[in-house]
PDB file of N, CA and C in Angstrom:
ATOM      1  N   PRO A   1       0.954  -0.753   0.401  1.00  0.00           N
ATOM      2  CA  PRO A   1       0.277   0.041  -0.034  1.00  0.00           C
ATOM      3  C   PRO A   1       1.231   1.629  -0.594  1.00  0.00           C
ATOM      4  N   TYR A   2       2.163   1.161   0.306  1.00  0.00           N
ATOM      5  CA  TYR A   2       3.104   2.593  -0.622  1.00  0.00           C
ATOM      6  C   TYR A   2       3.651   3.252  -1.098  1.00  0.00           C
ATOM      7  N   ASN A   3       3.231   1.994  -2.367  1.00  0.00           N
ATOM      8  CA  ASN A   3       3.575   2.345  -3.541  1.00  0.00           C
ATOM      9  C   ASN A   3       2.381   2.978  -3.760  1.00  0.00           C
ATOM     10  N   SER A   4       3.650   4.885  -3.700  1.00  0.00           N
ATOM     11  CA  SER A   4       2.731   5.832  -4.376  1.00  0.00           C
ATOM     12  C   SER A   4       2.728   6.215  -5.879  1.00  0.00           C
ATOM     13  N   TYR A   5       3.403   5.417  -6.623  1.00  0.00           N
ATOM     14  CA  TYR A   5       3.238   6.085  -8.087  1.00  0.00           C
ATOM     15  C   TYR A   5       1.805   4.214  -8.393  1.00  0.00           C
ATOM     16  N   ALA A   6       1.915   2.992  -7.945  1.00  0.00           N
ATOM     17  CA  ALA A   6       1.050   2.425  -8.156  1.00  0.00           C
ATOM     18  C   ALA A   6      -0.552   2.684  -7.523  1.00  0.00           C
ATOM     19  N   ARG A   7      -0.497   3.206  -6.962  1.00  0.00           N
ATOM     20  CA  ARG A   7      -2.161   3.392  -6.171  1.00  0.00           C
ATOM     21  C   ARG A   7      -2.023   4.442  -6.120  1.00  0.00           C
ATOM     22  N   ALA A   8      -3.749   4.842  -6.436  1.00  0.00           N
ATOM     23  CA  ALA A   8      -4.065   6.853  -6.081  1.00  0.00           C
ATOM     24  C   ALA A   8      -3.906   6.816  -4.626  1.00  0.00           C
ATOM     25  N   GLY A   9      -4.137   8.420  -4.213  1.00  0.00           N
ATOM     26  CA  GLY A   9      -4.694   8.823  -3.316  1.00  0.00           C
ATOM     27  C   GLY A   9      -3.706   8.273  -2.091  1.00  0.00           C
ATOM     28  N   LEU A  10      -3.558   8.973  -0.591  1.00  0.00           N
ATOM     29  CA  LEU A  10      -2.827   8.814   0.475  1.00  0.00           C
ATOM     30  C   LEU A  10      -2.492   7.487   0.905  1.00  0.00           C
ATOM     31  N   PRO A  11      -1.376   7.080   1.016  1.00  0.00           N
ATOM     32  CA  PRO A  11      -0.519   5.329   1.962  1.00  0.00           C
ATOM     33  C   PRO A  11      -1.311   5.283   3.599  1.00  0.00           C
ATOM     34  N   PRO A  12      -1.322   4.630   4.068  1.00  0.00           N
ATOM     35  CA  PRO A  12      -2.780   4.379   5.007  1.00  0.00           C
ATOM     36  C   PRO A  12      -2.259   5.028   6.473  1.00  0.00           C
ATOM     37  N   THR A  13      -1.013   5.182   6.446  1.00  0.00           N
ATOM     38  CA  THR A  13       0.199   5.722   7.940  1.00  0.00           C
ATOM     39  C   THR A  13       1.099   6.799   7.468  1.00  0.00           C
ATOM     40  N   PRO A  14       1.321   6.549   7.889  1.00  0.00           N
ATOM     41  CA  PRO A  14       2.724   7.969   6.658  1.00  0.00           C
ATOM     42  C   PRO A  14       3.800   7.288   7.194  1.00  0.00           C
ATOM     43  N   ILE A  15       4.216   7.679   5.674  1.00  0.00           N
ATOM     44  CA  ILE A  15       5.403   6.703   5.655  1.00  0.00           C
ATOM     45  C   ILE A  15       6.537   7.289   6.892  1.00  0.00           C
ATOM     46  N   ALA A  16       7.320   8.679   6.423  1.00  0.00           N
ATOM     47  CA  ALA A  16       8.453   9.127   7.490  1.00  0.00           C
ATOM     48  C   ALA A  16       7.305   9.766   8.588  1.00  0.00           C
ATOM     49  N   ALA A  17       8.409  10.004   9.692  1.00  0.00           N
ATOM     50  CA  ALA A  17       7.911  11.723  10.424  1.00  0.00           C
ATOM     51  C   ALA A  17       9.176  12.214  10.799  1.00  0.00           C
ATOM     52  N   PRO A  18      10.064  13.809  10.878  1.00  0.00           N
ATOM     53  CA  PRO A  18      10.308  13.997  11.216  1.00  0.00           C
ATOM     54  C   PRO A  18      10.795  13.747  12.532  1.00  0.00           C
ATOM     55  N   GLY A  19      12.371  14.363  12.518  1.00  0.00           N
ATOM     56  CA  GLY A  19      12.738  13.460  14.383  1.00  0.00           C
ATOM     57  C   GLY A  19      12.525  14.680  15.349  1.00  0.00           C
ATOM     58  N   LEU A  20      12.425  15.749  16.327  1.00  0.00           N
ATOM     59  CA  LEU A  20      12.755  16.216  17.218  1.00  0.00           C
ATOM     60  C   LEU A  20      13.358  17.583  17.105  1.00  0.00           C
ATOM     61  N   ARG A  21      14.583  17.233  16.208  1.00  0.00           N
ATOM     62  CA  ARG A  21      15.564  17.990  16.684  1.00  0.00           C
ATOM     63  C   ARG A  21      14.721  18.083  15.174  1.00  0.00           C
ATOM     64  N   SER A  22      14.778  18.325  13.719  1.00  0.00           N
ATOM     65  CA  SER A  22      15.045  18.116  12.430  1.00  0.00           C
ATOM     66  C   SER A  22      13.419  19.645  12.516  1.00  0.00           C
ATOM     67  N   LEU A  23      12.174  19.241  13.177  1.00  0.00           N
ATOM     68  CA  LEU A  23      11.504  19.809  13.547  1.00  0.00           C
ATOM     69  C   LEU A  23      11.977  21.360  14.378  1.00  0.00           C
ATOM     70  N   ILE A  24      12.878  21.310  15.688  1.00  0.00           N
ATOM     71  CA  ILE A  24      12.960  22.135  16.052  1.00  0.00           C
ATOM     72  C   ILE A  24      14.209  23.038  15.304  1.00  0.00           C
ATOM     73  N   ALA A  25      14.434  22.732  14.537  1.00  0.00           N
ATOM     74  CA  ALA A  25      15.238  23.518  13.069  1.00  0.00           C
ATOM     75  C   ALA A  25      14.447  24.056  12.570  1.00  0.00           C
ATOM     76  N   ALA A  26      14.115  23.669  11.768  1.00  0.00           N
ATOM     77  CA  ALA A  26      13.179  23.859  11.018  1.00  0.00           C
ATOM     78  C   ALA A  26      12.269  24.890  11.775  1.00  0.00           C
ATOM     79  N   GLY A  27      11.854  25.305  12.249  1.00  0.00           N
ATOM     80  CA  GLY A  27      11.018  26.020  13.582  1.00  0.00           C
ATOM     81  C   GLY A  27      12.088  27.765  13.140  1.00  0.00           C
ATOM     82  N   ASP A  28      13.377  27.234  13.455  1.00  0.00           N
ATOM     83  CA  ASP A  28      14.195  28.557  14.157  1.00  0.00           C
ATOM     84  C   ASP A  28      15.048  28.033  13.387  1.00  0.00           C
ATOM     85  N   PRO A  29      16.213  28.694  12.080  1.00  0.00           N
ATOM     86  CA  PRO A  29      16.998  27.905  11.234  1.00  0.00           C
ATOM     87  C   PRO A  29      17.765  29.184  11.090  1.00  0.00           C
ATOM     88  N   ASP A  30      18.540  28.460  11.045  1.00  0.00           N
ATOM     89  CA  ASP A  30      19.691  29.248  12.229  1.00  0.00           C
ATOM     90  C   ASP A  30      20.180  30.490  11.103  1.00  0.00           C
ATOM     91  N   ASP A  31      21.095  31.846  11.312  1.00  0.00           N
ATOM     92  CA  ASP A  31      20.904  32.409  10.579  1.00  0.00           C
ATOM     93  C   ASP A  31      22.051  32.907   9.688  1.00  0.00           C
ATOM     94  N   THR A  32      22.611  32.101   8.228  1.00  0.00           N
ATOM     95  CA  THR A  32      23.522  31.806   7.711  1.00  0.00           C
ATOM     96  C   THR A  32      22.985  32.842   5.845  1.00  0.00           C
ATOM     97  N   PRO A  33      23.653  32.777   5.552  1.00  0.00           N
ATOM     98  CA  PRO A  33      23.978  33.581   3.920  1.00  0.00           C
ATOM     99  C   PRO A  33      22.929  32.846   2.741  1.00  0.00           C
ATOM    100  N   PHE A  34      23.107  31.910   2.769  1.00  0.00           N
ATOM    101  CA  PHE A  34      23.436  30.844   1.784  1.00  0.00           C
ATOM    102  C   PHE A  34      21.930  30.337   1.441  1.00  0.00           C
ATOM    103  N   PHE A  35      20.999  31.115   0.097  1.00  0.00           N
ATOM    104  CA  PHE A  35      19.591  30.161  -0.297  1.00  0.00           C
ATOM    105  C   PHE A  35      19.908  28.368  -0.805  1.00  0.00           C
ATOM    106  N   TYR A  36      20.992  28.339  -1.472  1.00  0.00           N
ATOM    107  CA  TYR A  36      21.013  26.538  -2.168  1.00  0.00           C
ATOM    108  C   TYR A  36      21.542  25.013  -1.838  1.00  0.00           C
ATOM    109  N   TYR A  37      21.720  25.160  -1.994  1.00  0.00           N
ATOM    110  CA  TYR A  37      22.634  23.156  -1.396  1.00  0.00           C
ATOM    111  C   TYR A  37      22.728  22.333  -2.317  1.00  0.00           C
ATOM    112  N   VAL A  38      24.255  20.664  -2.259  1.00  0.00           N
ATOM    113  CA  VAL A  38      23.641  20.679  -3.402  1.00  0.00           C
ATOM    114  C   VAL A  38      24.523  19.111  -2.956  1.00  0.00           C
ATOM    115  N   LEU A  39      24.215  17.684  -2.802  1.00  0.00           N
ATOM    116  CA  LEU A  39      25.228  17.166  -2.183  1.00  0.00           C
ATOM    117  C   LEU A  39      26.349  17.342  -4.546  1.00  0.00           C
ATOM    118  N   VAL A  40      28.000  17.111  -3.436  1.00  0.00           N
ATOM    119  CA  VAL A  40      28.795  17.263  -3.894  1.00  0.00           C
ATOM    120  C   VAL A  40      30.746  16.891  -3.574  1.00  0.00           C
ATOM    121  N   ASP A  41      30.268  15.817  -2.897  1.00  0.00           N
ATOM    122  CA  ASP A  41      30.922  13.595  -3.067  1.00  0.00           C
ATOM    123  C   ASP A  41      30.069  12.795  -2.789  1.00  0.00           C
ATOM    124  N   PRO A  42      30.209  12.091  -2.964  1.00  0.00           N
ATOM    125  CA  PRO A  42      30.169  11.109  -2.309  1.00  0.00           C
ATOM    126  C   PRO A  42      29.889  10.117  -1.190  1.00  0.00           C
ATOM    127  N   ASP A  43      30.384  10.667  -0.529  1.00  0.00           N
ATOM    128  CA  ASP A  43      30.425  10.621   1.240  1.00  0.00           C
ATOM    129  C   ASP A  43      29.842  10.701   1.264  1.00  0.00           C
ATOM    130  N   GLY A  44      28.448  11.978   1.551  1.00  0.00           N
ATOM    131  CA  GLY A  44      27.680  12.742   2.090  1.00  0.00           C
ATOM    132  C   GLY A  44      28.236  14.045   1.842  1.00  0.00           C
ATOM    133  N   SER A  45      28.837  14.687   1.897  1.00  0.00           N
ATOM    134  CA  SER A  45      29.686  16.070   1.783  1.00  0.00           C
ATOM    135  C   SER A  45      28.497  16.889   0.836  1.00  0.00           C
ATOM    136  N   HIS A  46      28.039  18.097   1.668  1.00  0.00           N
ATOM    137  CA  HIS A  46      27.390  18.797   0.274  1.00  0.00           C
ATOM    138  C   HIS A  46      28.124  20.418   0.530  1.00  0.00           C
ATOM    139  N   GLY A  47      28.098  21.760  -0.828  1.00  0.00           N
ATOM    140  CA  GLY A  47      28.130  22.349  -1.027  1.00  0.00           C
ATOM    141  C   GLY A  47      27.191  22.691  -0.750  1.00  0.00           C
ATOM    142  N   PHE A  48      27.259  25.059  -0.178  1.00  0.00           N
ATOM    143  CA  PHE A  48      26.326  25.396  -0.452  1.00  0.00           C
ATOM    144  C   PHE A  48      26.808  27.445  -1.072  1.00  0.00           C
ATOM    145  N   SER A  49      26.103  27.740  -1.374  1.00  0.00           N
ATOM    146  CA  SER A  49      25.884  28.902  -2.261  1.00  0.00           C
ATOM    147  C   SER A  49      25.063  29.970  -1.434  1.00  0.00           C
ATOM    148  N   VAL A  50      25.312  30.994  -2.032  1.00  0.00           N
ATOM    149  CA  VAL A  50      24.668  31.853  -2.264  1.00  0.00           C
ATOM    150  C   VAL A  50      23.915  32.661  -3.534  1.00  0.00           C
ATOM    151  N   THR A  51      24.613  32.145  -4.214  1.00  0.00           N
ATOM    152  CA  THR A  51      24.064  32.921  -6.017  1.00  0.00           C
ATOM    153  C   THR A  51      23.424  30.936  -6.279  1.00  0.00           C
ATOM    154  N   LEU A  52      22.435  31.478  -7.713  1.00  0.00           N
ATOM    155  CA  LEU A  52      22.522  30.631  -8.090  1.00  0.00           C
ATOM    156  C   LEU A  52      24.014  29.907  -9.346  1.00  0.00           C
ATOM    157  N   GLU A  53      24.635  30.935  -9.931  1.00  0.00           N
ATOM    158  CA  GLU A  53      24.714  31.064 -10.420  1.00  0.00           C
ATOM    159  C   GLU A  53      27.121  30.004  -9.138  1.00  0.00           C
ATOM    160  N   GLU A  54      25.944  30.237  -8.450  1.00  0.00           N
ATOM    161  CA  GLU A  54      27.904  29.331  -7.516  1.00  0.00           C
ATOM    162  C   GLU A  54      26.836  28.662  -7.169  1.00  0.00           C
ATOM    163  N   HIS A  55      25.559  27.646  -7.071  1.00  0.00           N
ATOM    164  CA  HIS A  55      25.297  27.188  -7.424  1.00  0.00           C
ATOM    165  C   HIS A  55      25.995  26.156  -8.581  1.00  0.00           C
ATOM    166  N   ASN A  56      24.981  26.393  -9.666  1.00  0.00           N
ATOM    167  CA  ASN A  56      25.181  25.556 -10.819  1.00  0.00           C
ATOM    168  C   ASN A  56      26.728  25.543 -11.086  1.00  0.00           C
ATOM    169  N   GLU A  57      27.607  25.872 -10.648  1.00  0.00           N
ATOM    170  CA  GLU A  57      28.922  26.059 -11.071  1.00  0.00           C
ATOM    171  C   GLU A  57      28.725  23.881  -9.891  1.00  0.00           C
ATOM    172  N   LYS A  58      28.893  24.504  -8.531  1.00  0.00           N
ATOM    173  CA  LYS A  58      28.586  23.447  -8.200  1.00  0.00           C
ATOM    174  C   LYS A  58      28.117  22.009  -8.649  1.00  0.00           C
ATOM    175  N   VAL A  59      26.698  21.904  -9.269  1.00  0.00           N
ATOM    176  CA  VAL A  59      26.340  21.107 -10.310  1.00  0.00           C
ATOM    177  C   VAL A  59      26.727  20.080 -11.065  1.00  0.00           C
ATOM    178  N   ALA A  60      27.140  21.663 -11.904  1.00  0.00           N
ATOM    179  CA  ALA A  60      28.291  21.497 -13.010  1.00  0.00           C
ATOM    180  C   ALA A  60      29.607  20.173 -12.424  1.00  0.00           C
ATOM    181  N   LYS A  61      30.680  20.881 -11.858  1.00  0.00           N
ATOM    182  CA  LYS A  61      31.632  20.373 -10.893  1.00  0.00           C
ATOM    183  C   LYS A  61      30.802  18.372  -9.795  1.00  0.00           C
ATOM    184  N   ALA A  62      30.020  18.385  -9.871  1.00  0.00           N
ATOM    185  CA  ALA A  62      29.670  16.908  -9.324  1.00  0.00           C
ATOM    186  C   ALA A  62      29.064  15.996  -9.811  1.00  0.00           C
ATOM    187  N   ARG A  63      28.297  16.122 -11.644  1.00  0.00           N
ATOM    188  CA  ARG A  63      27.585  15.501 -12.263  1.00  0.00           C
ATOM    189  C   ARG A  63      29.161  15.439 -12.996  1.00  0.00           C
ATOM    190  N   ALA A  64      30.237  16.404 -13.379  1.00  0.00           N
ATOM    191  CA  ALA A  64      31.004  15.843 -14.491  1.00  0.00           C
ATOM    192  C   ALA A  64      32.037  14.209 -12.956  1.00  0.00           C
ATOM    193  N   GLU A  65      32.485  14.649 -11.501  1.00  0.00           N
ATOM    194  CA  GLU A  65      32.763  13.883 -11.090  1.00  0.00           C
ATOM    195  C   GLU A  65      31.740  12.500 -11.034  1.00  0.00           C
ATOM    196  N   GLY A  66      30.393  12.253 -11.173  1.00  0.00           N
ATOM    197  CA  GLY A  66      30.207  11.617 -10.773  1.00  0.00           C
ATOM    198  C   GLY A  66      29.439  11.273  -9.300  1.00  0.00           C
ATOM    199  N   VAL A  67      28.848  12.451  -9.486  1.00  0.00           N
ATOM    200  CA  VAL A  67      28.455  11.730  -7.725  1.00  0.00           C
ATOM    201  C   VAL A  67      27.202  11.987  -8.209  1.00  0.00           C
ATOM    202  N   PHE A  68      26.735  12.762  -9.248  1.00  0.00           N
ATOM    203  CA  PHE A  68      24.666  12.241  -9.577  1.00  0.00           C
ATOM    204  C   PHE A  68      24.815  11.855 -10.435  1.00  0.00           C
TER     205      PHE A  68
END
């Protein structure tokens, strides 16, 4: 019943739920200049950017290196 591609409507129960730390962080985010983030390394590291141009450069580099 959880294959939302094969079934219409919502599943019978939640698929996942955020933890308390995630809820607190969403309600009171850190004050940073960043607007964008992208996976930049297969180890799970992310790159953060202020401008879309910076972000697109990081995306292109990650793609060229086979990160995604």
